[in-house]
Amino acid sequence: MTSAEALRLKEIAQQSATMKTLSCKFRQVQESPMLKTPEISTGNLQFLSSGTLVWKYETPKLFQLSLLEDRIVMTSDKGVK
């Protein structure tokens, strides 16, 4: 890592220390020889300063993966695991 990259990384770490939340929309494309056409998934990702990460798929199927401080919770149309 160059000194410029190290400085930039330090700046990002300082700025993220005051960040309370971060969220974004995503689009994920899965390609495989087993699929006739690529499978496209969309959803939202949210990070909370408490350390919680929520990865929520909206299409093609509803699914949510929550990484909590002490456990992982998966929620789908079949219930919670």
PDB file of N, CA and C in Angstrom:
ATOM      1  N   MET A   1       0.853  -1.164   0.000  1.00  0.00           N
ATOM      2  CA  MET A   1       0.000   0.000   0.000  1.00  0.00           C
ATOM      3  C   MET A   1       0.905   1.235   0.000  1.00  0.00           C
ATOM      4  N   THR A   2       0.582   2.155  -0.871  1.00  0.00           N
ATOM      5  CA  THR A   2       1.362   3.386  -0.938  1.00  0.00           C
ATOM      6  C   THR A   2       1.005   4.293   0.237  1.00  0.00           C
ATOM      7  N   SER A   3       1.834   5.282   0.489  1.00  0.00           N
ATOM      8  CA  SER A   3       1.550   6.214   1.592  1.00  0.00           C
ATOM      9  C   SER A   3       0.278   7.010   1.314  1.00  0.00           C
ATOM     10  N   ALA A   4      -0.004   7.313   0.043  1.00  0.00           N
ATOM     11  CA  ALA A   4      -1.231   8.035  -0.317  1.00  0.00           C
ATOM     12  C   ALA A   4      -2.455   7.165  -0.045  1.00  0.00           C
ATOM     13  N   GLU A   5      -2.358   5.879  -0.356  1.00  0.00           N
ATOM     14  CA  GLU A   5      -3.462   4.963  -0.094  1.00  0.00           C
ATOM     15  C   GLU A   5      -3.684   4.790   1.406  1.00  0.00           C
ATOM     16  N   ALA A   6      -2.599   4.708   2.164  1.00  0.00           N
ATOM     17  CA  ALA A   6      -2.704   4.571   3.614  1.00  0.00           C
ATOM     18  C   ALA A   6      -3.358   5.806   4.229  1.00  0.00           C
ATOM     19  N   LEU A   7      -2.993   6.984   3.726  1.00  0.00           N
ATOM     20  CA  LEU A   7      -3.596   8.220   4.211  1.00  0.00           C
ATOM     21  C   LEU A   7      -5.083   8.254   3.899  1.00  0.00           C
ATOM     22  N   ARG A   8      -5.447   7.857   2.688  1.00  0.00           N
ATOM     23  CA  ARG A   8      -6.859   7.841   2.292  1.00  0.00           C
ATOM     24  C   ARG A   8      -7.649   6.863   3.148  1.00  0.00           C
ATOM     25  N   LEU A   9      -7.079   5.699   3.414  1.00  0.00           N
ATOM     26  CA  LEU A   9      -7.735   4.698   4.260  1.00  0.00           C
ATOM     27  C   LEU A   9      -7.946   5.245   5.670  1.00  0.00           C
ATOM     28  N   LYS A  10      -6.969   5.971   6.197  1.00  0.00           N
ATOM     29  CA  LYS A  10      -7.095   6.580   7.521  1.00  0.00           C
ATOM     30  C   LYS A  10      -8.211   7.621   7.522  1.00  0.00           C
ATOM     31  N   GLU A  11      -8.310   8.421   6.464  1.00  0.00           N
ATOM     32  CA  GLU A  11      -9.374   9.418   6.353  1.00  0.00           C
ATOM     33  C   GLU A  11     -10.749   8.753   6.329  1.00  0.00           C
ATOM     34  N   ILE A  12     -10.867   7.676   5.575  1.00  0.00           N
ATOM     35  CA  ILE A  12     -12.138   6.942   5.500  1.00  0.00           C
ATOM     36  C   ILE A  12     -12.503   6.383   6.865  1.00  0.00           C
ATOM     37  N   ALA A  13     -11.548   5.821   7.578  1.00  0.00           N
ATOM     38  CA  ALA A  13     -11.800   5.262   8.908  1.00  0.00           C
ATOM     39  C   ALA A  13     -12.270   6.350   9.872  1.00  0.00           C
ATOM     40  N   GLN A  14     -11.666   7.535   9.802  1.00  0.00           N
ATOM     41  CA  GLN A  14     -12.074   8.644  10.675  1.00  0.00           C
ATOM     42  C   GLN A  14     -13.495   9.095  10.352  1.00  0.00           C
ATOM     43  N   GLN A  15     -13.809   9.203   9.081  1.00  0.00           N
ATOM     44  CA  GLN A  15     -15.154   9.631   8.679  1.00  0.00           C
ATOM     45  C   GLN A  15     -16.198   8.582   9.033  1.00  0.00           C
ATOM     46  N   SER A  16     -15.867   7.315   8.871  1.00  0.00           N
ATOM     47  CA  SER A  16     -16.843   6.261   9.152  1.00  0.00           C
ATOM     48  C   SER A  16     -17.097   6.105  10.649  1.00  0.00           C
ATOM     49  N   ALA A  17     -16.177   6.577  11.486  1.00  0.00           N
ATOM     50  CA  ALA A  17     -16.365   6.480  12.937  1.00  0.00           C
ATOM     51  C   ALA A  17     -17.570   7.297  13.396  1.00  0.00           C
ATOM     52  N   THR A  18     -17.917   8.338  12.653  1.00  0.00           N
ATOM     53  CA  THR A  18     -19.059   9.182  13.019  1.00  0.00           C
ATOM     54  C   THR A  18     -20.330   8.793  12.270  1.00  0.00           C
ATOM     55  N   MET A  19     -20.222   7.827  11.390  1.00  0.00           N
ATOM     56  CA  MET A  19     -21.363   7.410  10.578  1.00  0.00           C
ATOM     57  C   MET A  19     -22.333   6.583  11.419  1.00  0.00           C
ATOM     58  N   LYS A  20     -23.609   6.926  11.336  1.00  0.00           N
ATOM     59  CA  LYS A  20     -24.622   6.188  12.081  1.00  0.00           C
ATOM     60  C   LYS A  20     -25.247   5.084  11.244  1.00  0.00           C
ATOM     61  N   THR A  21     -25.472   5.355   9.967  1.00  0.00           N
ATOM     62  CA  THR A  21     -26.047   4.350   9.070  1.00  0.00           C
ATOM     63  C   THR A  21     -25.452   4.500   7.673  1.00  0.00           C
ATOM     64  N   LEU A  22     -25.550   3.425   6.940  1.00  0.00           N
ATOM     65  CA  LEU A  22     -25.168   3.419   5.535  1.00  0.00           C
ATOM     66  C   LEU A  22     -26.153   2.503   4.836  1.00  0.00           C
ATOM     67  N   SER A  23     -26.756   2.978   3.759  1.00  0.00           N
ATOM     68  CA  SER A  23     -27.693   2.122   3.034  1.00  0.00           C
ATOM     69  C   SER A  23     -27.513   2.322   1.537  1.00  0.00           C
ATOM     70  N   CYS A  24     -27.854   1.285   0.810  1.00  0.00           N
ATOM     71  CA  CYS A  24     -27.759   1.355  -0.645  1.00  0.00           C
ATOM     72  C   CYS A  24     -28.714   0.332  -1.260  1.00  0.00           C
ATOM     73  N   LYS A  25     -29.033   0.562  -2.513  1.00  0.00           N
ATOM     74  CA  LYS A  25     -29.785  -0.414  -3.297  1.00  0.00           C
ATOM     75  C   LYS A  25     -28.760  -1.216  -4.081  1.00  0.00           C
ATOM     76  N   PHE A  26     -29.065  -2.481  -4.347  1.00  0.00           N
ATOM     77  CA  PHE A  26     -28.140  -3.289  -5.134  1.00  0.00           C
ATOM     78  C   PHE A  26     -28.871  -4.056  -6.226  1.00  0.00           C
ATOM     79  N   ARG A  27     -28.101  -4.429  -7.215  1.00  0.00           N
ATOM     80  CA  ARG A  27     -28.558  -5.284  -8.323  1.00  0.00           C
ATOM     81  C   ARG A  27     -27.465  -6.326  -8.516  1.00  0.00           C
ATOM     82  N   GLN A  28     -27.825  -7.576  -8.378  1.00  0.00           N
ATOM     83  CA  GLN A  28     -26.878  -8.679  -8.449  1.00  0.00           C
ATOM     84  C   GLN A  28     -27.247  -9.561  -9.632  1.00  0.00           C
ATOM     85  N   VAL A  29     -26.268  -9.861 -10.489  1.00  0.00           N
ATOM     86  CA  VAL A  29     -26.506 -10.706 -11.654  1.00  0.00           C
ATOM     87  C   VAL A  29     -25.728 -12.008 -11.479  1.00  0.00           C
ATOM     88  N   GLN A  30     -26.454 -13.124 -11.542  1.00  0.00           N
ATOM     89  CA  GLN A  30     -25.824 -14.438 -11.412  1.00  0.00           C
ATOM     90  C   GLN A  30     -25.892 -15.137 -12.757  1.00  0.00           C
ATOM     91  N   GLU A  31     -24.719 -15.528 -13.251  1.00  0.00           N
ATOM     92  CA  GLU A  31     -24.648 -16.258 -14.517  1.00  0.00           C
ATOM     93  C   GLU A  31     -24.063 -17.635 -14.257  1.00  0.00           C
ATOM     94  N   SER A  32     -24.616 -18.633 -14.931  1.00  0.00           N
ATOM     95  CA  SER A  32     -24.148 -20.001 -14.767  1.00  0.00           C
ATOM     96  C   SER A  32     -24.535 -20.804 -15.997  1.00  0.00           C
ATOM     97  N   PRO A  33     -23.726 -21.774 -16.370  1.00  0.00           N
ATOM     98  CA  PRO A  33     -24.100 -22.650 -17.485  1.00  0.00           C
ATOM     99  C   PRO A  33     -25.403 -23.398 -17.213  1.00  0.00           C
ATOM    100  N   MET A  34     -25.765 -23.520 -15.937  1.00  0.00           N
ATOM    101  CA  MET A  34     -26.989 -24.233 -15.578  1.00  0.00           C
ATOM    102  C   MET A  34     -28.240 -23.362 -15.745  1.00  0.00           C
ATOM    103  N   LEU A  35     -28.048 -22.047 -15.908  1.00  0.00           N
ATOM    104  CA  LEU A  35     -29.176 -21.130 -16.077  1.00  0.00           C
ATOM    105  C   LEU A  35     -29.333 -20.778 -17.550  1.00  0.00           C
ATOM    106  N   LYS A  36     -30.562 -20.800 -18.037  1.00  0.00           N
ATOM    107  CA  LYS A  36     -30.807 -20.410 -19.429  1.00  0.00           C
ATOM    108  C   LYS A  36     -30.544 -18.925 -19.630  1.00  0.00           C
ATOM    109  N   THR A  37     -30.962 -18.134 -18.658  1.00  0.00           N
ATOM    110  CA  THR A  37     -30.730 -16.687 -18.687  1.00  0.00           C
ATOM    111  C   THR A  37     -30.172 -16.273 -17.328  1.00  0.00           C
ATOM    112  N   PRO A  38     -29.437 -15.186 -17.282  1.00  0.00           N
ATOM    113  CA  PRO A  38     -28.915 -14.730 -15.989  1.00  0.00           C
ATOM    114  C   PRO A  38     -30.047 -14.444 -15.001  1.00  0.00           C
ATOM    115  N   GLU A  39     -29.797 -14.737 -13.749  1.00  0.00           N
ATOM    116  CA  GLU A  39     -30.781 -14.435 -12.705  1.00  0.00           C
ATOM    117  C   GLU A  39     -30.411 -13.092 -12.084  1.00  0.00           C
ATOM    118  N   ILE A  40     -31.368 -12.184 -12.054  1.00  0.00           N
ATOM    119  CA  ILE A  40     -31.131 -10.843 -11.524  1.00  0.00           C
ATOM    120  C   ILE A  40     -31.879 -10.689 -10.206  1.00  0.00           C
ATOM    121  N   SER A  41     -31.145 -10.317  -9.185  1.00  0.00           N
ATOM    122  CA  SER A  41     -31.717 -10.060  -7.864  1.00  0.00           C
ATOM    123  C   SER A  41     -31.531  -8.585  -7.545  1.00  0.00           C
ATOM    124  N   THR A  42     -32.505  -8.003  -6.861  1.00  0.00           N
ATOM    125  CA  THR A  42     -32.398  -6.613  -6.424  1.00  0.00           C
ATOM    126  C   THR A  42     -32.807  -6.524  -4.966  1.00  0.00           C
ATOM    127  N   GLY A  43     -32.350  -5.469  -4.313  1.00  0.00           N
ATOM    128  CA  GLY A  43     -32.719  -5.276  -2.923  1.00  0.00           C
ATOM    129  C   GLY A  43     -32.006  -4.110  -2.294  1.00  0.00           C
ATOM    130  N   ASN A  44     -31.952  -4.129  -0.982  1.00  0.00           N
ATOM    131  CA  ASN A  44     -31.338  -3.066  -0.201  1.00  0.00           C
ATOM    132  C   ASN A  44     -30.369  -3.659   0.810  1.00  0.00           C
ATOM    133  N   LEU A  45     -29.333  -2.891   1.103  1.00  0.00           N
ATOM    134  CA  LEU A  45     -28.349  -3.254   2.108  1.00  0.00           C
ATOM    135  C   LEU A  45     -28.272  -2.104   3.097  1.00  0.00           C
ATOM    136  N   GLN A  46     -28.300  -2.413   4.386  1.00  0.00           N
ATOM    137  CA  GLN A  46     -28.244  -1.361   5.397  1.00  0.00           C
ATOM    138  C   GLN A  46     -27.289  -1.771   6.510  1.00  0.00           C
ATOM    139  N   PHE A  47     -26.387  -0.864   6.851  1.00  0.00           N
ATOM    140  CA  PHE A  47     -25.462  -1.063   7.962  1.00  0.00           C
ATOM    141  C   PHE A  47     -25.765  -0.025   9.020  1.00  0.00           C
ATOM    142  N   LEU A  48     -25.867  -0.472  10.272  1.00  0.00           N
ATOM    143  CA  LEU A  48     -26.117   0.428  11.394  1.00  0.00           C
ATOM    144  C   LEU A  48     -24.883   0.476  12.286  1.00  0.00           C
ATOM    145  N   SER A  49     -24.661   1.602  12.908  1.00  0.00           N
ATOM    146  CA  SER A  49     -23.464   1.767  13.743  1.00  0.00           C
ATOM    147  C   SER A  49     -23.401   0.767  14.890  1.00  0.00           C
ATOM    148  N   SER A  50     -24.523   0.179  15.234  1.00  0.00           N
ATOM    149  CA  SER A  50     -24.540  -0.840  16.293  1.00  0.00           C
ATOM    150  C   SER A  50     -23.851  -2.128  15.845  1.00  0.00           C
ATOM    151  N   GLY A  51     -23.492  -2.189  14.562  1.00  0.00           N
ATOM    152  CA  GLY A  51     -22.855  -3.388  14.033  1.00  0.00           C
ATOM    153  C   GLY A  51     -23.821  -4.293  13.306  1.00  0.00           C
ATOM    154  N   THR A  52     -25.056  -3.884  13.179  1.00  0.00           N
ATOM    155  CA  THR A  52     -26.069  -4.675  12.491  1.00  0.00           C
ATOM    156  C   THR A  52     -25.975  -4.462  10.984  1.00  0.00           C
ATOM    157  N   LEU A  53     -26.047  -5.554  10.247  1.00  0.00           N
ATOM    158  CA  LEU A  53     -26.073  -5.499   8.795  1.00  0.00           C
ATOM    159  C   LEU A  53     -27.326  -6.225   8.324  1.00  0.00           C
ATOM    160  N   VAL A  54     -28.136  -5.558   7.512  1.00  0.00           N
ATOM    161  CA  VAL A  54     -29.363  -6.159   6.987  1.00  0.00           C
ATOM    162  C   VAL A  54     -29.259  -6.164   5.469  1.00  0.00           C
ATOM    163  N   TRP A  55     -29.329  -7.368   4.901  1.00  0.00           N
ATOM    164  CA  TRP A  55     -29.225  -7.558   3.451  1.00  0.00           C
ATOM    165  C   TRP A  55     -30.578  -8.089   3.014  1.00  0.00           C
ATOM    166  N   LYS A  56     -31.371  -7.251   2.341  1.00  0.00           N
ATOM    167  CA  LYS A  56     -32.746  -7.613   2.002  1.00  0.00           C
ATOM    168  C   LYS A  56     -32.917  -7.728   0.488  1.00  0.00           C
ATOM    169  N   TYR A  57     -33.269  -8.937   0.044  1.00  0.00           N
ATOM    170  CA  TYR A  57     -33.585  -9.170  -1.367  1.00  0.00           C
ATOM    171  C   TYR A  57     -35.069  -8.884  -1.580  1.00  0.00           C
ATOM    172  N   GLU A  58     -35.378  -8.142  -2.634  1.00  0.00           N
ATOM    173  CA  GLU A  58     -36.776  -7.853  -2.962  1.00  0.00           C
ATOM    174  C   GLU A  58     -37.237  -8.663  -4.170  1.00  0.00           C
ATOM    175  N   THR A  59     -36.348  -8.922  -5.122  1.00  0.00           N
ATOM    176  CA  THR A  59     -36.660  -9.749  -6.286  1.00  0.00           C
ATOM    177  C   THR A  59     -35.486 -10.684  -6.536  1.00  0.00           C
ATOM    178  N   PRO A  60     -35.659 -11.846  -7.083  1.00  0.00           N
ATOM    179  CA  PRO A  60     -36.906 -12.433  -7.537  1.00  0.00           C
ATOM    180  C   PRO A  60     -37.740 -13.012  -6.396  1.00  0.00           C
ATOM    181  N   LYS A  61     -37.124 -13.212  -5.223  1.00  0.00           N
ATOM    182  CA  LYS A  61     -37.846 -13.727  -4.063  1.00  0.00           C
ATOM    183  C   LYS A  61     -37.531 -12.851  -2.862  1.00  0.00           C
ATOM    184  N   LEU A  62     -38.506 -12.696  -1.980  1.00  0.00           N
ATOM    185  CA  LEU A  62     -38.269 -11.959  -0.748  1.00  0.00           C
ATOM    186  C   LEU A  62     -37.398 -12.804   0.182  1.00  0.00           C
ATOM    187  N   PHE A  63     -36.312 -12.197   0.645  1.00  0.00           N
ATOM    188  CA  PHE A  63     -35.395 -12.883   1.548  1.00  0.00           C
ATOM    189  C   PHE A  63     -34.614 -11.817   2.297  1.00  0.00           C
ATOM    190  N   GLN A  64     -34.378 -12.043   3.577  1.00  0.00           N
ATOM    191  CA  GLN A  64     -33.611 -11.078   4.360  1.00  0.00           C
ATOM    192  C   GLN A  64     -32.599 -11.808   5.216  1.00  0.00           C
ATOM    193  N   LEU A  65     -31.387 -11.317   5.199  1.00  0.00           N
ATOM    194  CA  LEU A  65     -30.314 -11.841   6.026  1.00  0.00           C
ATOM    195  C   LEU A  65     -29.893 -10.723   6.969  1.00  0.00           C
ATOM    196  N   SER A  66     -30.034 -10.961   8.270  1.00  0.00           N
ATOM    197  CA  SER A  66     -29.675  -9.958   9.277  1.00  0.00           C
ATOM    198  C   SER A  66     -28.506 -10.487  10.090  1.00  0.00           C
ATOM    199  N   LEU A  67     -27.398  -9.753  10.055  1.00  0.00           N
ATOM    200  CA  LEU A  67     -26.231 -10.095  10.858  1.00  0.00           C
ATOM    201  C   LEU A  67     -26.265  -9.189  12.082  1.00  0.00           C
ATOM    202  N   LEU A  68     -26.635  -9.777  13.195  1.00  0.00           N
ATOM    203  CA  LEU A  68     -26.778  -9.031  14.436  1.00  0.00           C
ATOM    204  C   LEU A  68     -25.528  -9.229  15.283  1.00  0.00           C
ATOM    205  N   GLU A  69     -25.471  -8.536  16.374  1.00  0.00           N
ATOM    206  CA  GLU A  69     -24.295  -8.591  17.238  1.00  0.00           C
ATOM    207  C   GLU A  69     -23.975 -10.007  17.705  1.00  0.00           C
ATOM    208  N   ASP A  70     -25.015 -10.783  18.025  1.00  0.00           N
ATOM    209  CA  ASP A  70     -24.786 -12.104  18.604  1.00  0.00           C
ATOM    210  C   ASP A  70     -25.402 -13.265  17.824  1.00  0.00           C
ATOM    211  N   ARG A  71     -25.995 -12.974  16.658  1.00  0.00           N
ATOM    212  CA  ARG A  71     -26.618 -14.061  15.886  1.00  0.00           C
ATOM    213  C   ARG A  71     -26.883 -13.630  14.444  1.00  0.00           C
ATOM    214  N   ILE A  72     -27.205 -14.614  13.635  1.00  0.00           N
ATOM    215  CA  ILE A  72     -27.587 -14.388  12.241  1.00  0.00           C
ATOM    216  C   ILE A  72     -29.029 -14.835  12.090  1.00  0.00           C
ATOM    217  N   VAL A  73     -29.854 -13.986  11.471  1.00  0.00           N
ATOM    218  CA  VAL A  73     -31.271 -14.314  11.292  1.00  0.00           C
ATOM    219  C   VAL A  73     -31.590 -14.269   9.806  1.00  0.00           C
ATOM    220  N   MET A  74     -32.156 -15.362   9.292  1.00  0.00           N
ATOM    221  CA  MET A  74     -32.595 -15.425   7.896  1.00  0.00           C
ATOM    222  C   MET A  74     -34.111 -15.485   7.874  1.00  0.00           C
ATOM    223  N   THR A  75     -34.715 -14.587   7.105  1.00  0.00           N
ATOM    224  CA  THR A  75     -36.168 -14.514   7.017  1.00  0.00           C
ATOM    225  C   THR A  75     -36.576 -14.666   5.560  1.00  0.00           C
ATOM    226  N   SER A  76     -37.539 -15.554   5.314  1.00  0.00           N
ATOM    227  CA  SER A  76     -38.054 -15.742   3.959  1.00  0.00           C
ATOM    228  C   SER A  76     -39.544 -16.008   4.047  1.00  0.00           C
ATOM    229  N   ASP A  77     -40.137 -16.340   2.923  1.00  0.00           N
ATOM    230  CA  ASP A  77     -41.566 -16.666   2.923  1.00  0.00           C
ATOM    231  C   ASP A  77     -41.831 -17.964   3.694  1.00  0.00           C
ATOM    232  N   LYS A  78     -40.774 -18.703   4.020  1.00  0.00           N
ATOM    233  CA  LYS A  78     -40.916 -19.956   4.774  1.00  0.00           C
ATOM    234  C   LYS A  78     -40.724 -19.744   6.269  1.00  0.00           C
ATOM    235  N   GLY A  79     -40.469 -18.501   6.685  1.00  0.00           N
ATOM    236  CA  GLY A  79     -40.324 -18.213   8.104  1.00  0.00           C
ATOM    237  C   GLY A  79     -38.942 -17.725   8.454  1.00  0.00           C
ATOM    238  N   VAL A  80     -38.625 -17.810   9.739  1.00  0.00           N
ATOM    239  CA  VAL A  80     -37.363 -17.304  10.279  1.00  0.00           C
ATOM    240  C   VAL A  80     -36.493 -18.482  10.707  1.00  0.00           C
ATOM    241  N   LYS A  81     -35.194 -18.379  10.406  1.00  0.00           N
ATOM    242  CA  LYS A  81     -34.222 -19.402  10.840  1.00  0.00           C
ATOM    243  C   LYS A  81     -33.192 -18.746  11.725  1.00  0.00           C
TER     244      LYS A  81
END
